[in-house]
């Protein structure tokens, strides 16, 4: 059997160069918009339309990060609303998805395949297509101009993908664990709570992170349609205020965007090791 270091060093030098060159090209395309956006936030507004265009800002400063709070009053409230809405949506999705995924992974019942297919079909519809029916539902239930008007559609559209993801992970957990628990007299709920959940935590963490990011990113269309009050508006609506009738304050918009995505970046930063372990767990058979 080959040792691990021999397996790692099995590539020729030019193959290693090609691999790293491909990674660099990929990262360049992924990170270039973020780098350019950050540099734009450091530039004075007059430099953004200068010719020739300067990629590196001249006399750059963080002034836009200070003035953006004045340009859009209540910007801190927008960030709090986005974080609060995403957190509640994530918790609600997990509460519904964990038992549903366990049922689809362990039980064979009539219509299971049809339901899973229906979940995929839901994700094929754009939120814009369902705005009018959703608006009528929200109005009939008296949910307009509330947090629930933004949370409910987010939960509904994020549940299908979360079920598919977590169901796949739970299917990798050996059934013998369930059978051993049943022999000892455990119920399905007790088995899920005491046996499956501890093992499935990496997968649940992945679902939680992806749900949080998805909820954080899809709030604009629902908030703009179902809400007209500033106290319930999330971050995308606050950023929309930078698009004025005469001009767009691009440096402040970029600064506000980076400040706004900071909560999501912080969440990913602290949970990245769980995300990686959740994505790789079960990739090899023990």
C-alpha atoms as a PDB file:
ATOM      1  CA  UNK A   1       0.000   0.000   0.000  1.00  0.00           C
ATOM      2  CA  UNK A   2       1.314   3.429  -0.964  1.00  0.00           C
ATOM      3  CA  UNK A   3       2.036   5.910   1.752  1.00  0.00           C
ATOM      4  CA  UNK A   4      -0.026   9.128   1.836  1.00  0.00           C
ATOM      5  CA  UNK A   5       2.896  11.391   0.880  1.00  0.00           C
ATOM      6  CA  UNK A   6       3.563   9.291  -2.231  1.00  0.00           C
ATOM      7  CA  UNK A   7      -0.060   9.629  -3.255  1.00  0.00           C
ATOM      8  CA  UNK A   8       0.111  13.401  -2.802  1.00  0.00           C
ATOM      9  CA  UNK A   9       3.359  13.716  -4.782  1.00  0.00           C
ATOM     10  CA  UNK A  10       2.314  11.507  -7.680  1.00  0.00           C
ATOM     11  CA  UNK A  11       1.859  14.494 -10.050  1.00  0.00           C
ATOM     12  CA  UNK A  12       4.562  15.781 -12.375  1.00  0.00           C
ATOM     13  CA  UNK A  13       5.830  19.313 -11.803  1.00  0.00           C
ATOM     14  CA  UNK A  14       4.025  20.672 -14.858  1.00  0.00           C
ATOM     15  CA  UNK A  15       0.769  19.034 -13.720  1.00  0.00           C
ATOM     16  CA  UNK A  16       1.090  20.745 -10.331  1.00  0.00           C
ATOM     17  CA  UNK A  17       1.725  24.072 -12.106  1.00  0.00           C
ATOM     18  CA  UNK A  18      -1.357  23.511 -14.255  1.00  0.00           C
ATOM     19  CA  UNK A  19      -3.523  22.690 -11.240  1.00  0.00           C
ATOM     20  CA  UNK A  20      -2.466  25.784  -9.335  1.00  0.00           C
ATOM     21  CA  UNK A  21      -2.778  27.940 -12.449  1.00  0.00           C
ATOM     22  CA  UNK A  22      -6.361  26.736 -12.898  1.00  0.00           C
ATOM     23  CA  UNK A  23      -7.118  27.476  -9.253  1.00  0.00           C
ATOM     24  CA  UNK A  24      -5.668  30.969  -9.627  1.00  0.00           C
ATOM     25  CA  UNK A  25      -7.755  31.669 -12.725  1.00  0.00           C
ATOM     26  CA  UNK A  26     -10.886  30.454 -10.950  1.00  0.00           C
ATOM     27  CA  UNK A  27     -10.194  32.568  -7.853  1.00  0.00           C
ATOM     28  CA  UNK A  28      -9.474  35.582 -10.050  1.00  0.00           C
ATOM     29  CA  UNK A  29     -12.913  35.413 -11.659  1.00  0.00           C
ATOM     30  CA  UNK A  30     -14.600  34.781  -8.298  1.00  0.00           C
ATOM     31  CA  UNK A  31     -12.773  37.403  -6.239  1.00  0.00           C
ATOM     32  CA  UNK A  32     -12.265  40.133  -8.864  1.00  0.00           C
ATOM     33  CA  UNK A  33     -15.747  41.683  -8.413  1.00  0.00           C
ATOM     34  CA  UNK A  34     -15.275  41.838  -4.639  1.00  0.00           C
ATOM     35  CA  UNK A  35     -11.814  43.404  -4.954  1.00  0.00           C
ATOM     36  CA  UNK A  36     -13.069  45.969  -7.458  1.00  0.00           C
ATOM     37  CA  UNK A  37     -16.099  46.739  -5.281  1.00  0.00           C
ATOM     38  CA  UNK A  38     -13.884  47.313  -2.259  1.00  0.00           C
ATOM     39  CA  UNK A  39     -11.564  49.599  -4.226  1.00  0.00           C
ATOM     40  CA  UNK A  40     -14.562  51.555  -5.504  1.00  0.00           C
ATOM     41  CA  UNK A  41     -15.667  52.100  -1.903  1.00  0.00           C
ATOM     42  CA  UNK A  42     -12.283  53.735  -1.203  1.00  0.00           C
ATOM     43  CA  UNK A  43     -12.387  56.136  -4.148  1.00  0.00           C
ATOM     44  CA  UNK A  44     -13.843  59.660  -4.153  1.00  0.00           C
ATOM     45  CA  UNK A  45     -16.908  59.906  -6.378  1.00  0.00           C
ATOM     46  CA  UNK A  46     -15.037  62.120  -8.877  1.00  0.00           C
ATOM     47  CA  UNK A  47     -12.490  59.366  -9.600  1.00  0.00           C
ATOM     48  CA  UNK A  48     -15.109  56.784 -10.527  1.00  0.00           C
ATOM     49  CA  UNK A  49     -15.804  58.424 -13.890  1.00  0.00           C
ATOM     50  CA  UNK A  50     -12.321  59.686 -14.696  1.00  0.00           C
ATOM     51  CA  UNK A  51     -10.615  58.798 -17.971  1.00  0.00           C
ATOM     52  CA  UNK A  52      -8.466  56.795 -18.138  1.00  0.00           C
ATOM     53  CA  UNK A  53      -9.974  54.691 -15.398  1.00  0.00           C
ATOM     54  CA  UNK A  54      -7.702  53.991 -12.438  1.00  0.00           C
ATOM     55  CA  UNK A  55      -8.025  50.548 -10.902  1.00  0.00           C
ATOM     56  CA  UNK A  56      -6.009  51.495  -7.810  1.00  0.00           C
ATOM     57  CA  UNK A  57      -7.582  54.494  -6.000  1.00  0.00           C
ATOM     58  CA  UNK A  58      -5.572  57.697  -5.726  1.00  0.00           C
ATOM     59  CA  UNK A  59      -5.785  59.206  -2.239  1.00  0.00           C
ATOM     60  CA  UNK A  60      -8.235  56.505  -1.226  1.00  0.00           C
ATOM     61  CA  UNK A  61      -9.967  56.698   2.125  1.00  0.00           C
ATOM     62  CA  UNK A  62     -12.725  55.122   4.190  1.00  0.00           C
ATOM     63  CA  UNK A  63     -14.817  58.297   4.058  1.00  0.00           C
ATOM     64  CA  UNK A  64     -17.654  56.504   2.244  1.00  0.00           C
ATOM     65  CA  UNK A  65     -17.954  54.075   5.161  1.00  0.00           C
ATOM     66  CA  UNK A  66     -18.694  57.054   7.400  1.00  0.00           C
ATOM     67  CA  UNK A  67     -20.978  59.059   5.121  1.00  0.00           C
ATOM     68  CA  UNK A  68     -23.176  56.097   4.170  1.00  0.00           C
ATOM     69  CA  UNK A  69     -24.734  56.091   7.648  1.00  0.00           C
ATOM     70  CA  UNK A  70     -25.871  59.684   7.031  1.00  0.00           C
ATOM     71  CA  UNK A  71     -27.001  59.124   3.432  1.00  0.00           C
ATOM     72  CA  UNK A  72     -29.473  56.412   4.412  1.00  0.00           C
ATOM     73  CA  UNK A  73     -30.926  56.941   7.895  1.00  0.00           C
ATOM     74  CA  UNK A  74     -31.718  53.724   9.717  1.00  0.00           C
ATOM     75  CA  UNK A  75     -29.061  51.712   7.887  1.00  0.00           C
ATOM     76  CA  UNK A  76     -28.200  49.884  11.110  1.00  0.00           C
ATOM     77  CA  UNK A  77     -31.861  48.929  11.440  1.00  0.00           C
ATOM     78  CA  UNK A  78     -31.798  47.435   7.938  1.00  0.00           C
ATOM     79  CA  UNK A  79     -28.820  45.255   8.846  1.00  0.00           C
ATOM     80  CA  UNK A  80     -30.506  44.110  12.055  1.00  0.00           C
ATOM     81  CA  UNK A  81     -33.705  43.275  10.175  1.00  0.00           C
ATOM     82  CA  UNK A  82     -31.846  41.165   7.610  1.00  0.00           C
ATOM     83  CA  UNK A  83     -29.939  39.297  10.307  1.00  0.00           C
ATOM     84  CA  UNK A  84     -33.071  38.790  12.408  1.00  0.00           C
ATOM     85  CA  UNK A  85     -35.177  37.602   9.468  1.00  0.00           C
ATOM     86  CA  UNK A  86     -32.470  35.208   8.268  1.00  0.00           C
ATOM     87  CA  UNK A  87     -31.989  33.783  11.761  1.00  0.00           C
ATOM     88  CA  UNK A  88     -35.701  33.146  12.304  1.00  0.00           C
ATOM     89  CA  UNK A  89     -36.081  31.653   8.819  1.00  0.00           C
ATOM     90  CA  UNK A  90     -33.120  29.336   9.441  1.00  0.00           C
ATOM     91  CA  UNK A  91     -34.500  28.129  12.775  1.00  0.00           C
ATOM     92  CA  UNK A  92     -37.971  27.567  11.304  1.00  0.00           C
ATOM     93  CA  UNK A  93     -36.583  25.679   8.311  1.00  0.00           C
ATOM     94  CA  UNK A  94     -34.488  23.406  10.534  1.00  0.00           C
ATOM     95  CA  UNK A  95     -37.448  22.643  12.810  1.00  0.00           C
ATOM     96  CA  UNK A  96     -39.487  21.530   9.788  1.00  0.00           C
ATOM     97  CA  UNK A  97     -36.767  19.975   7.671  1.00  0.00           C
ATOM     98  CA  UNK A  98     -35.015  17.719  10.215  1.00  0.00           C
ATOM     99  CA  UNK A  99     -37.997  15.398  10.911  1.00  0.00           C
ATOM    100  CA  UNK A 100     -39.118  15.568   7.272  1.00  0.00           C
ATOM    101  CA  UNK A 101     -35.664  14.566   6.019  1.00  0.00           C
ATOM    102  CA  UNK A 102     -35.543  11.712   8.524  1.00  0.00           C
ATOM    103  CA  UNK A 103     -38.927  10.477   7.316  1.00  0.00           C
ATOM    104  CA  UNK A 104     -37.910  10.595   3.644  1.00  0.00           C
ATOM    105  CA  UNK A 105     -34.573   8.919   4.411  1.00  0.00           C
ATOM    106  CA  UNK A 106     -35.915   6.073   6.571  1.00  0.00           C
ATOM    107  CA  UNK A 107     -39.560   5.399   5.737  1.00  0.00           C
ATOM    108  CA  UNK A 108     -41.006   4.024   2.533  1.00  0.00           C
ATOM    109  CA  UNK A 109     -44.491   5.409   2.077  1.00  0.00           C
ATOM    110  CA  UNK A 110     -46.777   5.927  -0.872  1.00  0.00           C
ATOM    111  CA  UNK A 111     -46.150   9.162  -2.770  1.00  0.00           C
ATOM    112  CA  UNK A 112     -42.694   9.831  -1.313  1.00  0.00           C
ATOM    113  CA  UNK A 113     -41.071  10.113  -4.736  1.00  0.00           C
ATOM    114  CA  UNK A 114     -43.892  12.338  -5.964  1.00  0.00           C
ATOM    115  CA  UNK A 115     -43.462  14.664  -3.004  1.00  0.00           C
ATOM    116  CA  UNK A 116     -39.713  14.900  -3.529  1.00  0.00           C
ATOM    117  CA  UNK A 117     -40.312  15.699  -7.185  1.00  0.00           C
ATOM    118  CA  UNK A 118     -42.819  18.355  -6.176  1.00  0.00           C
ATOM    119  CA  UNK A 119     -40.204  19.909  -3.905  1.00  0.00           C
ATOM    120  CA  UNK A 120     -37.865  20.214  -6.875  1.00  0.00           C
ATOM    121  CA  UNK A 121     -40.662  21.689  -8.985  1.00  0.00           C
ATOM    122  CA  UNK A 122     -41.216  24.414  -6.385  1.00  0.00           C
ATOM    123  CA  UNK A 123     -37.612  25.552  -6.782  1.00  0.00           C
ATOM    124  CA  UNK A 124     -38.121  25.880 -10.527  1.00  0.00           C
ATOM    125  CA  UNK A 125     -40.543  28.763 -10.052  1.00  0.00           C
ATOM    126  CA  UNK A 126     -39.162  32.256  -9.686  1.00  0.00           C
ATOM    127  CA  UNK A 127     -40.381  34.265  -6.728  1.00  0.00           C
ATOM    128  CA  UNK A 128     -41.516  37.005  -9.109  1.00  0.00           C
ATOM    129  CA  UNK A 129     -43.994  34.618 -10.781  1.00  0.00           C
ATOM    130  CA  UNK A 130     -45.775  34.023  -7.468  1.00  0.00           C
ATOM    131  CA  UNK A 131     -45.773  37.606  -6.184  1.00  0.00           C
ATOM    132  CA  UNK A 132     -49.432  38.335  -6.934  1.00  0.00           C
ATOM    133  CA  UNK A 133     -50.812  35.115  -5.365  1.00  0.00           C
ATOM    134  CA  UNK A 134     -48.499  35.581  -2.374  1.00  0.00           C
ATOM    135  CA  UNK A 135     -49.581  39.196  -1.991  1.00  0.00           C
ATOM    136  CA  UNK A 136     -53.244  38.170  -1.954  1.00  0.00           C
ATOM    137  CA  UNK A 137     -52.498  35.493   0.665  1.00  0.00           C
ATOM    138  CA  UNK A 138     -50.539  37.885   2.860  1.00  0.00           C
ATOM    139  CA  UNK A 139     -53.297  40.468   2.645  1.00  0.00           C
ATOM    140  CA  UNK A 140     -56.021  37.950   3.468  1.00  0.00           C
ATOM    141  CA  UNK A 141     -54.103  36.811   6.569  1.00  0.00           C
ATOM    142  CA  UNK A 142     -53.255  40.380   7.600  1.00  0.00           C
ATOM    143  CA  UNK A 143     -49.507  39.820   7.362  1.00  0.00           C
ATOM    144  CA  UNK A 144     -48.597  42.775   5.171  1.00  0.00           C
ATOM    145  CA  UNK A 145     -46.102  45.230   6.702  1.00  0.00           C
ATOM    146  CA  UNK A 146     -44.833  42.662   9.206  1.00  0.00           C
ATOM    147  CA  UNK A 147     -41.756  40.486   9.538  1.00  0.00           C
ATOM    148  CA  UNK A 148     -43.891  37.443   8.724  1.00  0.00           C
ATOM    149  CA  UNK A 149     -44.602  38.771   5.231  1.00  0.00           C
ATOM    150  CA  UNK A 150     -40.894  38.385   4.453  1.00  0.00           C
ATOM    151  CA  UNK A 151     -40.243  35.255   6.514  1.00  0.00           C
ATOM    152  CA  UNK A 152     -43.078  33.026   5.296  1.00  0.00           C
ATOM    153  CA  UNK A 153     -42.161  33.064   1.574  1.00  0.00           C
ATOM    154  CA  UNK A 154     -38.502  32.625   2.464  1.00  0.00           C
ATOM    155  CA  UNK A 155     -39.276  29.560   4.570  1.00  0.00           C
ATOM    156  CA  UNK A 156     -41.496  28.072   1.864  1.00  0.00           C
ATOM    157  CA  UNK A 157     -38.898  28.437  -0.898  1.00  0.00           C
ATOM    158  CA  UNK A 158     -35.934  27.252   1.181  1.00  0.00           C
ATOM    159  CA  UNK A 159     -37.520  24.102   2.629  1.00  0.00           C
ATOM    160  CA  UNK A 160     -37.401  21.964  -0.573  1.00  0.00           C
ATOM    161  CA  UNK A 161     -33.661  22.300  -1.201  1.00  0.00           C
ATOM    162  CA  UNK A 162     -32.943  21.836   2.509  1.00  0.00           C
ATOM    163  CA  UNK A 163     -34.939  18.571   2.577  1.00  0.00           C
ATOM    164  CA  UNK A 164     -33.068  17.211  -0.437  1.00  0.00           C
ATOM    165  CA  UNK A 165     -29.702  18.117   1.055  1.00  0.00           C
ATOM    166  CA  UNK A 166     -30.325  16.762   4.556  1.00  0.00           C
ATOM    167  CA  UNK A 167     -32.170  13.663   3.313  1.00  0.00           C
ATOM    168  CA  UNK A 168     -29.113  12.700   1.248  1.00  0.00           C
ATOM    169  CA  UNK A 169     -26.914  13.081   4.309  1.00  0.00           C
ATOM    170  CA  UNK A 170     -29.216  11.045   6.574  1.00  0.00           C
ATOM    171  CA  UNK A 171     -29.387   8.240   4.028  1.00  0.00           C
ATOM    172  CA  UNK A 172     -25.641   7.706   4.612  1.00  0.00           C
ATOM    173  CA  UNK A 173     -26.210   7.016   8.310  1.00  0.00           C
ATOM    174  CA  UNK A 174     -26.384   3.213   8.818  1.00  0.00           C
ATOM    175  CA  UNK A 175     -29.869   1.847   9.403  1.00  0.00           C
ATOM    176  CA  UNK A 176     -28.430  -0.560  11.946  1.00  0.00           C
ATOM    177  CA  UNK A 177     -28.348   2.310  14.443  1.00  0.00           C
ATOM    178  CA  UNK A 178     -32.119   2.732  14.127  1.00  0.00           C
ATOM    179  CA  UNK A 179     -32.693  -0.994  14.407  1.00  0.00           C
ATOM    180  CA  UNK A 180     -30.548  -1.224  17.536  1.00  0.00           C
ATOM    181  CA  UNK A 181     -32.534   1.596  19.108  1.00  0.00           C
ATOM    182  CA  UNK A 182     -35.844  -0.070  18.197  1.00  0.00           C
ATOM    183  CA  UNK A 183     -34.679  -3.330  19.782  1.00  0.00           C
ATOM    184  CA  UNK A 184     -34.122  -1.400  23.017  1.00  0.00           C
ATOM    185  CA  UNK A 185     -37.683  -0.085  22.818  1.00  0.00           C
ATOM    186  CA  UNK A 186     -36.970   3.419  21.503  1.00  0.00           C
ATOM    187  CA  UNK A 187     -39.620   5.259  19.490  1.00  0.00           C
ATOM    188  CA  UNK A 188     -38.959   6.935  16.144  1.00  0.00           C
ATOM    189  CA  UNK A 189     -38.906  10.368  17.767  1.00  0.00           C
ATOM    190  CA  UNK A 190     -36.497   9.230  20.492  1.00  0.00           C
ATOM    191  CA  UNK A 191     -34.258   7.600  17.877  1.00  0.00           C
ATOM    192  CA  UNK A 192     -34.208  10.795  15.850  1.00  0.00           C
ATOM    193  CA  UNK A 193     -33.460  12.949  18.872  1.00  0.00           C
ATOM    194  CA  UNK A 194     -30.911  10.742  20.636  1.00  0.00           C
ATOM    195  CA  UNK A 195     -29.284   8.705  17.863  1.00  0.00           C
ATOM    196  CA  UNK A 196     -29.629  10.420  14.493  1.00  0.00           C
ATOM    197  CA  UNK A 197     -29.320  14.093  15.423  1.00  0.00           C
ATOM    198  CA  UNK A 198     -25.863  13.867  17.059  1.00  0.00           C
ATOM    199  CA  UNK A 199     -24.514  12.023  14.017  1.00  0.00           C
ATOM    200  CA  UNK A 200     -26.257  14.296  11.533  1.00  0.00           C
ATOM    201  CA  UNK A 201     -25.035  17.563  13.099  1.00  0.00           C
ATOM    202  CA  UNK A 202     -22.446  18.239  10.354  1.00  0.00           C
ATOM    203  CA  UNK A 203     -25.157  17.897   7.708  1.00  0.00           C
ATOM    204  CA  UNK A 204     -27.577  20.012   9.735  1.00  0.00           C
ATOM    205  CA  UNK A 205     -24.882  22.680  10.044  1.00  0.00           C
ATOM    206  CA  UNK A 206     -24.451  22.747   6.273  1.00  0.00           C
ATOM    207  CA  UNK A 207     -28.210  23.130   5.824  1.00  0.00           C
ATOM    208  CA  UNK A 208     -28.296  25.902   8.431  1.00  0.00           C
ATOM    209  CA  UNK A 209     -25.501  27.861   6.734  1.00  0.00           C
ATOM    210  CA  UNK A 210     -26.929  27.512   3.237  1.00  0.00           C
ATOM    211  CA  UNK A 211     -30.406  28.437   4.490  1.00  0.00           C
ATOM    212  CA  UNK A 212     -29.088  31.495   6.317  1.00  0.00           C
ATOM    213  CA  UNK A 213     -27.206  32.699   3.249  1.00  0.00           C
ATOM    214  CA  UNK A 214     -30.168  31.985   0.988  1.00  0.00           C
ATOM    215  CA  UNK A 215     -32.533  33.881   3.256  1.00  0.00           C
ATOM    216  CA  UNK A 216     -30.073  36.779   3.537  1.00  0.00           C
ATOM    217  CA  UNK A 217     -29.876  37.022  -0.261  1.00  0.00           C
ATOM    218  CA  UNK A 218     -33.527  36.702  -1.297  1.00  0.00           C
ATOM    219  CA  UNK A 219     -35.225  39.302   0.884  1.00  0.00           C
ATOM    220  CA  UNK A 220     -35.443  42.160  -1.613  1.00  0.00           C
ATOM    221  CA  UNK A 221     -38.366  41.135  -3.797  1.00  0.00           C
ATOM    222  CA  UNK A 222     -40.578  40.092  -0.868  1.00  0.00           C
ATOM    223  CA  UNK A 223     -39.750  43.110   1.269  1.00  0.00           C
ATOM    224  CA  UNK A 224     -40.357  45.534  -1.597  1.00  0.00           C
ATOM    225  CA  UNK A 225     -43.737  43.963  -2.405  1.00  0.00           C
ATOM    226  CA  UNK A 226     -45.148  43.006   0.993  1.00  0.00           C
ATOM    227  CA  UNK A 227     -43.724  45.773   3.172  1.00  0.00           C
ATOM    228  CA  UNK A 228     -43.851  49.570   3.075  1.00  0.00           C
ATOM    229  CA  UNK A 229     -42.610  50.338   6.593  1.00  0.00           C
ATOM    230  CA  UNK A 230     -39.000  51.226   7.313  1.00  0.00           C
ATOM    231  CA  UNK A 231     -38.913  49.420  10.658  1.00  0.00           C
ATOM    232  CA  UNK A 232     -39.436  46.037   8.935  1.00  0.00           C
ATOM    233  CA  UNK A 233     -37.303  46.642   5.830  1.00  0.00           C
ATOM    234  CA  UNK A 234     -34.202  44.428   5.373  1.00  0.00           C
ATOM    235  CA  UNK A 235     -30.790  45.394   4.026  1.00  0.00           C
ATOM    236  CA  UNK A 236     -31.501  45.052   0.261  1.00  0.00           C
ATOM    237  CA  UNK A 237     -34.244  47.669   0.549  1.00  0.00           C
ATOM    238  CA  UNK A 238     -31.836  49.948   2.398  1.00  0.00           C
ATOM    239  CA  UNK A 239     -29.253  49.543  -0.371  1.00  0.00           C
ATOM    240  CA  UNK A 240     -31.934  50.332  -2.938  1.00  0.00           C
ATOM    241  CA  UNK A 241     -32.155  53.823  -1.435  1.00  0.00           C
ATOM    242  CA  UNK A 242     -28.726  54.623  -2.917  1.00  0.00           C
ATOM    243  CA  UNK A 243     -30.155  54.464  -6.429  1.00  0.00           C
ATOM    244  CA  UNK A 244     -31.328  58.067  -6.707  1.00  0.00           C
ATOM    245  CA  UNK A 245     -33.244  59.728  -9.518  1.00  0.00           C
ATOM    246  CA  UNK A 246     -30.244  61.699 -10.787  1.00  0.00           C
ATOM    247  CA  UNK A 247     -27.189  59.618  -9.879  1.00  0.00           C
ATOM    248  CA  UNK A 248     -25.985  56.563  -8.025  1.00  0.00           C
ATOM    249  CA  UNK A 249     -23.528  57.161  -5.189  1.00  0.00           C
ATOM    250  CA  UNK A 250     -21.397  54.177  -6.120  1.00  0.00           C
ATOM    251  CA  UNK A 251     -18.685  54.517  -3.494  1.00  0.00           C
ATOM    252  CA  UNK A 252     -21.208  54.694  -0.659  1.00  0.00           C
ATOM    253  CA  UNK A 253     -23.229  51.875  -2.227  1.00  0.00           C
ATOM    254  CA  UNK A 254     -20.168  49.613  -2.308  1.00  0.00           C
ATOM    255  CA  UNK A 255     -19.229  50.582   1.251  1.00  0.00           C
ATOM    256  CA  UNK A 256     -22.761  49.848   2.454  1.00  0.00           C
ATOM    257  CA  UNK A 257     -22.738  46.523   0.614  1.00  0.00           C
ATOM    258  CA  UNK A 258     -19.551  45.371   2.340  1.00  0.00           C
ATOM    259  CA  UNK A 259     -20.853  46.467   5.735  1.00  0.00           C
ATOM    260  CA  UNK A 260     -24.158  44.745   5.026  1.00  0.00           C
ATOM    261  CA  UNK A 261     -22.663  41.384   4.123  1.00  0.00           C
ATOM    262  CA  UNK A 262     -20.393  41.442   7.174  1.00  0.00           C
ATOM    263  CA  UNK A 263     -22.873  39.452   9.375  1.00  0.00           C
ATOM    264  CA  UNK A 264     -23.061  36.661   6.790  1.00  0.00           C
ATOM    265  CA  UNK A 265     -19.273  36.601   6.433  1.00  0.00           C
ATOM    266  CA  UNK A 266     -18.865  36.424  10.208  1.00  0.00           C
ATOM    267  CA  UNK A 267     -21.297  33.495  10.423  1.00  0.00           C
ATOM    268  CA  UNK A 268     -19.438  31.626   7.675  1.00  0.00           C
ATOM    269  CA  UNK A 269     -16.066  32.416   9.242  1.00  0.00           C
ATOM    270  CA  UNK A 270     -16.954  30.910  12.611  1.00  0.00           C
ATOM    271  CA  UNK A 271     -18.808  27.926  11.133  1.00  0.00           C
ATOM    272  CA  UNK A 272     -16.529  27.156   8.190  1.00  0.00           C
ATOM    273  CA  UNK A 273     -14.921  24.134   9.859  1.00  0.00           C
ATOM    274  CA  UNK A 274     -18.373  22.639  10.445  1.00  0.00           C
ATOM    275  CA  UNK A 275     -19.296  23.458   6.845  1.00  0.00           C
ATOM    276  CA  UNK A 276     -16.242  21.643   5.468  1.00  0.00           C
ATOM    277  CA  UNK A 277     -16.725  18.634   7.759  1.00  0.00           C
ATOM    278  CA  UNK A 278     -20.397  18.452   6.833  1.00  0.00           C
ATOM    279  CA  UNK A 279     -19.676  18.543   3.117  1.00  0.00           C
ATOM    280  CA  UNK A 280     -16.982  15.861   3.314  1.00  0.00           C
ATOM    281  CA  UNK A 281     -18.537  13.576   5.959  1.00  0.00           C
ATOM    282  CA  UNK A 282     -19.870  10.413   4.412  1.00  0.00           C
ATOM    283  CA  UNK A 283     -17.819  10.924   1.247  1.00  0.00           C
ATOM    284  CA  UNK A 284     -15.937   7.721   2.010  1.00  0.00           C
ATOM    285  CA  UNK A 285     -17.332   4.528   3.421  1.00  0.00           C
ATOM    286  CA  UNK A 286     -16.094   3.646   6.890  1.00  0.00           C
END
